[in-house]
Structure formats: C-alpha cells, structure tokens
Amino acid sequence: MKNAFLQGKNIVVTILFYLFSYIATFLPLIVLDFPFWLTLIIIVIVTSFAGFLPVDLALLGLWVWAFIVALNGPQDIFAILTYIFFGIKVLLFLISIVSELMSKKET
C-alpha cells in the first residue's frame, strides 16, 4: 500500500513538473504577443534543444523581456502568472548558481 502511494505521489510530481515546464515555455510568448509562426518556431527550438545552454539562456532572456512587458502592460491573469513564474525561475536560477559555487568551494 505504501509503495502504491509513493508511486502515485511521484506521478503527481512528474505531472506538475511537466505542467510547470510547458507553462514556463509558453507564458512569455503569450505575454510578448509574438506572431503565430515565430511562436511555433520558438516552441520547436525550445522543446527540441531543452537543456542546451544557449537555448536556456535565450529562454531566460525571453522571461526577463516578458516580465518587463507585463509590468508595463495591462494587469491581467497572464501578467500575474508572469510575475509568479518569473519569481520561481529567478529563484531556481539563484539556487543552481549557489549550489554550483558551494560544490566548487568544497573541492
């Protein structure tokens, strides 16, 4: 019973992770209001080369741009979601930098 519960928990965490990943990919594109063809190209590139450093840095740049646009634009649900997910992205970025620095300090 306990194993079934833990496996169920892992499935929920996995689903939440993928949901967050897709929202993190699409939300800046919605806020920036790119044309459909450009949005499609960006989505294909981001999903095809996920984890590749230049693509991740470009996506982080899109997040910063979308955050600035959301601050200056109308305050709707997309702007609020942009603030929340931008904060999460920045927090995760800072945690990864600190953990990398701490691991180099130990060696």
N, C-alpha and C. Protein backbone atom coordinates (compact mmCIF):
# COMPACT_ATOMS: atom_id res chain seq x y z
N MET A 1 0.82 -1.20 0.00
CA MET A 1 0.00 0.00 0.00
C MET A 1 0.87 1.26 0.00
N LYS A 2 1.91 1.26 0.84
CA LYS A 2 2.77 2.42 0.92
C LYS A 2 3.50 2.66 -0.41
N ASN A 3 3.96 1.59 -1.04
CA ASN A 3 4.65 1.74 -2.33
C ASN A 3 3.71 2.31 -3.38
N ALA A 4 2.47 1.87 -3.39
CA ALA A 4 1.49 2.39 -4.36
C ALA A 4 1.25 3.87 -4.11
N PHE A 5 1.21 4.27 -2.84
CA PHE A 5 1.01 5.68 -2.52
C PHE A 5 2.21 6.52 -2.97
N LEU A 6 3.42 6.01 -2.70
CA LEU A 6 4.62 6.75 -3.10
C LEU A 6 4.73 6.84 -4.61
N GLN A 7 4.37 5.77 -5.33
CA GLN A 7 4.40 5.83 -6.78
C GLN A 7 3.37 6.83 -7.29
N GLY A 8 2.22 6.86 -6.65
CA GLY A 8 1.20 7.85 -7.02
C GLY A 8 1.69 9.26 -6.78
N LYS A 9 2.43 9.48 -5.70
CA LYS A 9 3.00 10.79 -5.42
C LYS A 9 4.01 11.18 -6.49
N ASN A 10 4.82 10.22 -6.92
CA ASN A 10 5.81 10.53 -7.94
C ASN A 10 5.15 10.89 -9.26
N ILE A 11 4.05 10.26 -9.56
CA ILE A 11 3.33 10.58 -10.79
C ILE A 11 2.79 12.00 -10.72
N VAL A 12 2.25 12.39 -9.57
CA VAL A 12 1.73 13.74 -9.41
C VAL A 12 2.85 14.76 -9.53
N VAL A 13 3.99 14.48 -8.92
CA VAL A 13 5.13 15.40 -9.01
C VAL A 13 5.62 15.49 -10.44
N THR A 14 5.66 14.37 -11.15
CA THR A 14 6.08 14.38 -12.55
C THR A 14 5.11 15.18 -13.41
N ILE A 15 3.83 15.01 -13.18
CA ILE A 15 2.83 15.78 -13.94
C ILE A 15 2.96 17.27 -13.66
N LEU A 16 3.16 17.62 -12.39
CA LEU A 16 3.34 19.03 -12.03
C LEU A 16 4.61 19.61 -12.65
N PHE A 17 5.66 18.81 -12.69
CA PHE A 17 6.91 19.26 -13.29
C PHE A 17 6.71 19.57 -14.78
N TYR A 18 6.06 18.64 -15.51
CA TYR A 18 5.83 18.88 -16.93
C TYR A 18 4.87 20.03 -17.16
N LEU A 19 3.88 20.18 -16.31
CA LEU A 19 2.95 21.30 -16.42
C LEU A 19 3.69 22.62 -16.23
N PHE A 20 4.55 22.69 -15.23
CA PHE A 20 5.35 23.88 -14.99
C PHE A 20 6.27 24.16 -16.18
N SER A 21 6.86 23.10 -16.74
CA SER A 21 7.76 23.27 -17.89
C SER A 21 7.04 23.84 -19.10
N TYR A 22 5.84 23.33 -19.37
CA TYR A 22 5.10 23.85 -20.52
C TYR A 22 4.63 25.28 -20.29
N ILE A 23 4.18 25.58 -19.09
CA ILE A 23 3.78 26.95 -18.79
C ILE A 23 4.98 27.88 -18.88
N ALA A 24 6.13 27.41 -18.39
CA ALA A 24 7.34 28.22 -18.44
C ALA A 24 7.81 28.46 -19.87
N THR A 25 7.43 27.59 -20.79
CA THR A 25 7.79 27.78 -22.19
C THR A 25 6.81 28.72 -22.90
N PHE A 26 5.53 28.54 -22.64
CA PHE A 26 4.51 29.27 -23.40
C PHE A 26 4.18 30.65 -22.84
N LEU A 27 4.25 30.83 -21.54
CA LEU A 27 3.79 32.08 -20.93
C LEU A 27 4.52 33.33 -21.45
N PRO A 28 5.85 33.32 -21.55
CA PRO A 28 6.48 34.53 -22.09
C PRO A 28 6.04 34.84 -23.52
N LEU A 29 5.78 33.79 -24.29
CA LEU A 29 5.36 34.00 -25.67
C LEU A 29 3.96 34.59 -25.75
N ILE A 30 3.11 34.23 -24.79
CA ILE A 30 1.76 34.80 -24.74
C ILE A 30 1.83 36.27 -24.35
N VAL A 31 2.65 36.58 -23.35
CA VAL A 31 2.76 37.97 -22.88
C VAL A 31 3.40 38.86 -23.94
N LEU A 32 4.40 38.33 -24.64
CA LEU A 32 5.09 39.14 -25.66
C LEU A 32 4.28 39.28 -26.94
N ASP A 33 3.27 38.46 -27.12
CA ASP A 33 2.34 38.55 -28.24
C ASP A 33 3.07 38.48 -29.59
N PHE A 34 3.91 37.45 -29.73
CA PHE A 34 4.59 37.21 -30.99
C PHE A 34 3.61 36.69 -32.03
N PRO A 35 3.94 36.83 -33.32
CA PRO A 35 3.11 36.20 -34.35
C PRO A 35 3.14 34.68 -34.21
N PHE A 36 2.12 34.03 -34.76
CA PHE A 36 1.99 32.59 -34.59
C PHE A 36 3.20 31.83 -35.12
N TRP A 37 3.71 32.22 -36.27
CA TRP A 37 4.83 31.49 -36.88
C TRP A 37 6.09 31.60 -36.02
N LEU A 38 6.34 32.75 -35.42
CA LEU A 38 7.50 32.92 -34.57
C LEU A 38 7.34 32.14 -33.27
N THR A 39 6.13 32.14 -32.73
CA THR A 39 5.84 31.37 -31.52
C THR A 39 6.07 29.88 -31.78
N LEU A 40 5.62 29.40 -32.93
CA LEU A 40 5.79 28.00 -33.28
C LEU A 40 7.27 27.64 -33.43
N ILE A 41 8.04 28.50 -34.05
CA ILE A 41 9.47 28.25 -34.21
C ILE A 41 10.17 28.21 -32.86
N ILE A 42 9.85 29.14 -31.98
CA ILE A 42 10.46 29.18 -30.65
C ILE A 42 10.09 27.93 -29.86
N ILE A 43 8.84 27.51 -29.93
CA ILE A 43 8.41 26.32 -29.20
C ILE A 43 9.14 25.08 -29.70
N VAL A 44 9.29 24.95 -31.01
CA VAL A 44 10.00 23.80 -31.57
C VAL A 44 11.46 23.80 -31.13
N ILE A 45 12.10 24.96 -31.17
CA ILE A 45 13.51 25.05 -30.77
C ILE A 45 13.67 24.74 -29.28
N VAL A 46 12.82 25.31 -28.45
CA VAL A 46 12.95 25.12 -27.00
C VAL A 46 12.69 23.66 -26.62
N THR A 47 11.67 23.05 -27.21
CA THR A 47 11.38 21.66 -26.86
C THR A 47 12.37 20.69 -27.47
N SER A 48 12.97 21.02 -28.61
CA SER A 48 13.94 20.14 -29.24
C SER A 48 15.30 20.19 -28.56
N PHE A 49 15.68 21.36 -28.10
CA PHE A 49 17.01 21.54 -27.53
C PHE A 49 16.96 21.92 -26.05
N ALA A 50 16.01 21.36 -25.32
CA ALA A 50 15.89 21.65 -23.89
C ALA A 50 17.15 21.18 -23.17
N GLY A 51 17.66 22.00 -22.29
CA GLY A 51 18.86 21.68 -21.55
C GLY A 51 20.14 22.16 -22.22
N PHE A 52 20.05 22.62 -23.44
CA PHE A 52 21.20 23.16 -24.16
C PHE A 52 21.39 24.60 -23.70
N LEU A 53 22.56 24.94 -23.21
CA LEU A 53 22.79 26.21 -22.53
C LEU A 53 22.37 27.44 -23.32
N PRO A 54 22.72 27.60 -24.61
CA PRO A 54 22.27 28.81 -25.33
C PRO A 54 20.75 28.93 -25.41
N VAL A 55 20.06 27.81 -25.55
CA VAL A 55 18.59 27.84 -25.61
C VAL A 55 18.03 28.23 -24.25
N ASP A 56 18.60 27.69 -23.18
CA ASP A 56 18.14 28.04 -21.84
C ASP A 56 18.38 29.51 -21.53
N LEU A 57 19.52 30.03 -21.95
CA LEU A 57 19.80 31.46 -21.73
C LEU A 57 18.87 32.34 -22.55
N ALA A 58 18.57 31.92 -23.77
CA ALA A 58 17.63 32.68 -24.59
C ALA A 58 16.24 32.67 -23.97
N LEU A 59 15.83 31.52 -23.43
CA LEU A 59 14.52 31.44 -22.76
C LEU A 59 14.50 32.32 -21.51
N LEU A 60 15.62 32.36 -20.78
CA LEU A 60 15.70 33.26 -19.62
C LEU A 60 15.60 34.71 -20.07
N GLY A 61 16.22 35.04 -21.20
CA GLY A 61 16.10 36.39 -21.76
C GLY A 61 14.67 36.72 -22.14
N LEU A 62 13.95 35.73 -22.70
CA LEU A 62 12.53 35.94 -23.02
C LEU A 62 11.73 36.19 -21.75
N TRP A 63 12.08 35.50 -20.67
CA TRP A 63 11.37 35.70 -19.41
C TRP A 63 11.58 37.12 -18.87
N VAL A 64 12.82 37.61 -18.96
CA VAL A 64 13.09 38.98 -18.49
C VAL A 64 12.32 39.98 -19.34
N TRP A 65 12.32 39.78 -20.64
CA TRP A 65 11.60 40.66 -21.55
C TRP A 65 10.10 40.61 -21.27
N ALA A 66 9.57 39.41 -21.08
CA ALA A 66 8.14 39.26 -20.78
C ALA A 66 7.78 39.90 -19.44
N PHE A 67 8.69 39.80 -18.47
CA PHE A 67 8.44 40.43 -17.17
C PHE A 67 8.34 41.94 -17.30
N ILE A 68 9.24 42.53 -18.08
CA ILE A 68 9.21 43.99 -18.29
C ILE A 68 7.95 44.40 -19.03
N VAL A 69 7.57 43.63 -20.05
CA VAL A 69 6.35 43.93 -20.80
C VAL A 69 5.13 43.80 -19.90
N ALA A 70 5.11 42.77 -19.05
CA ALA A 70 3.98 42.58 -18.14
C ALA A 70 3.87 43.71 -17.12
N LEU A 71 5.00 44.23 -16.67
CA LEU A 71 4.96 45.37 -15.74
C LEU A 71 4.36 46.61 -16.39
N ASN A 72 4.64 46.81 -17.67
CA ASN A 72 4.17 48.00 -18.37
C ASN A 72 2.81 47.83 -19.01
N GLY A 73 2.32 46.60 -19.10
CA GLY A 73 1.07 46.33 -19.79
C GLY A 73 -0.11 46.25 -18.84
N PRO A 74 -1.25 45.81 -19.36
CA PRO A 74 -2.44 45.64 -18.52
C PRO A 74 -2.22 44.50 -17.51
N GLN A 75 -2.76 44.69 -16.34
CA GLN A 75 -2.59 43.70 -15.27
C GLN A 75 -3.72 42.67 -15.34
N ASP A 76 -3.51 41.63 -16.11
CA ASP A 76 -4.49 40.57 -16.25
C ASP A 76 -3.91 39.27 -15.68
N ILE A 77 -4.57 38.15 -15.92
CA ILE A 77 -4.13 36.88 -15.36
C ILE A 77 -2.77 36.47 -15.92
N PHE A 78 -2.50 36.81 -17.18
CA PHE A 78 -1.20 36.46 -17.76
C PHE A 78 -0.08 37.26 -17.11
N ALA A 79 -0.33 38.51 -16.77
CA ALA A 79 0.68 39.31 -16.08
C ALA A 79 0.95 38.75 -14.69
N ILE A 80 -0.09 38.38 -13.98
CA ILE A 80 0.09 37.83 -12.64
C ILE A 80 0.84 36.50 -12.70
N LEU A 81 0.49 35.64 -13.65
CA LEU A 81 1.21 34.38 -13.81
C LEU A 81 2.66 34.62 -14.21
N THR A 82 2.90 35.66 -15.00
CA THR A 82 4.27 36.00 -15.38
C THR A 82 5.08 36.39 -14.15
N TYR A 83 4.50 37.19 -13.26
CA TYR A 83 5.22 37.57 -12.04
C TYR A 83 5.56 36.34 -11.20
N ILE A 84 4.58 35.46 -11.04
CA ILE A 84 4.79 34.28 -10.20
C ILE A 84 5.85 33.37 -10.81
N PHE A 85 5.71 33.05 -12.10
CA PHE A 85 6.65 32.14 -12.72
C PHE A 85 8.02 32.77 -12.91
N PHE A 86 8.09 34.09 -13.11
CA PHE A 86 9.38 34.76 -13.20
C PHE A 86 10.10 34.66 -11.86
N GLY A 87 9.38 34.85 -10.77
CA GLY A 87 9.98 34.70 -9.44
C GLY A 87 10.50 33.30 -9.22
N ILE A 88 9.73 32.30 -9.64
CA ILE A 88 10.17 30.91 -9.49
C ILE A 88 11.41 30.65 -10.33
N LYS A 89 11.41 31.14 -11.59
CA LYS A 89 12.56 30.93 -12.46
C LYS A 89 13.82 31.59 -11.89
N VAL A 90 13.69 32.81 -11.39
CA VAL A 90 14.84 33.50 -10.81
C VAL A 90 15.33 32.77 -9.56
N LEU A 91 14.40 32.33 -8.73
CA LEU A 91 14.77 31.60 -7.52
C LEU A 91 15.50 30.30 -7.87
N LEU A 92 14.99 29.54 -8.84
CA LEU A 92 15.66 28.31 -9.25
C LEU A 92 17.03 28.60 -9.85
N PHE A 93 17.14 29.69 -10.60
CA PHE A 93 18.42 30.07 -11.19
C PHE A 93 19.43 30.41 -10.10
N LEU A 94 19.00 31.18 -9.10
CA LEU A 94 19.90 31.53 -8.00
C LEU A 94 20.30 30.31 -7.18
N ILE A 95 19.37 29.40 -6.96
CA ILE A 95 19.69 28.18 -6.21
C ILE A 95 20.72 27.35 -6.96
N SER A 96 20.57 27.24 -8.28
CA SER A 96 21.54 26.46 -9.05
C SER A 96 22.92 27.11 -9.02
N ILE A 97 22.98 28.44 -9.07
CA ILE A 97 24.27 29.12 -9.01
C ILE A 97 24.92 28.92 -7.64
N VAL A 98 24.15 29.07 -6.58
CA VAL A 98 24.70 28.91 -5.23
C VAL A 98 25.16 27.48 -5.01
N SER A 99 24.39 26.50 -5.46
CA SER A 99 24.80 25.11 -5.27
C SER A 99 26.06 24.80 -6.07
N GLU A 100 26.19 25.38 -7.25
CA GLU A 100 27.40 25.19 -8.05
C GLU A 100 28.61 25.81 -7.36
N LEU A 101 28.43 27.00 -6.81
CA LEU A 101 29.53 27.66 -6.10
C LEU A 101 29.91 26.91 -4.84
N MET A 102 28.93 26.38 -4.14
CA MET A 102 29.19 25.62 -2.92
C MET A 102 29.91 24.31 -3.25
N SER A 103 29.57 23.67 -4.35
CA SER A 103 30.24 22.42 -4.71
C SER A 103 31.69 22.67 -5.13
N LYS A 104 31.97 23.81 -5.75
CA LYS A 104 33.35 24.15 -6.11
C LYS A 104 34.16 24.55 -4.88
N LYS A 105 33.48 25.11 -3.89
CA LYS A 105 34.17 25.52 -2.68
C LYS A 105 34.62 24.30 -1.88
N GLU A 106 33.83 23.22 -1.91
CA GLU A 106 34.16 22.01 -1.15
C GLU A 106 35.33 21.26 -1.73
N THR A 107 35.56 21.39 -3.04
CA THR A 107 36.65 20.62 -3.66
C THR A 107 37.97 21.31 -3.59
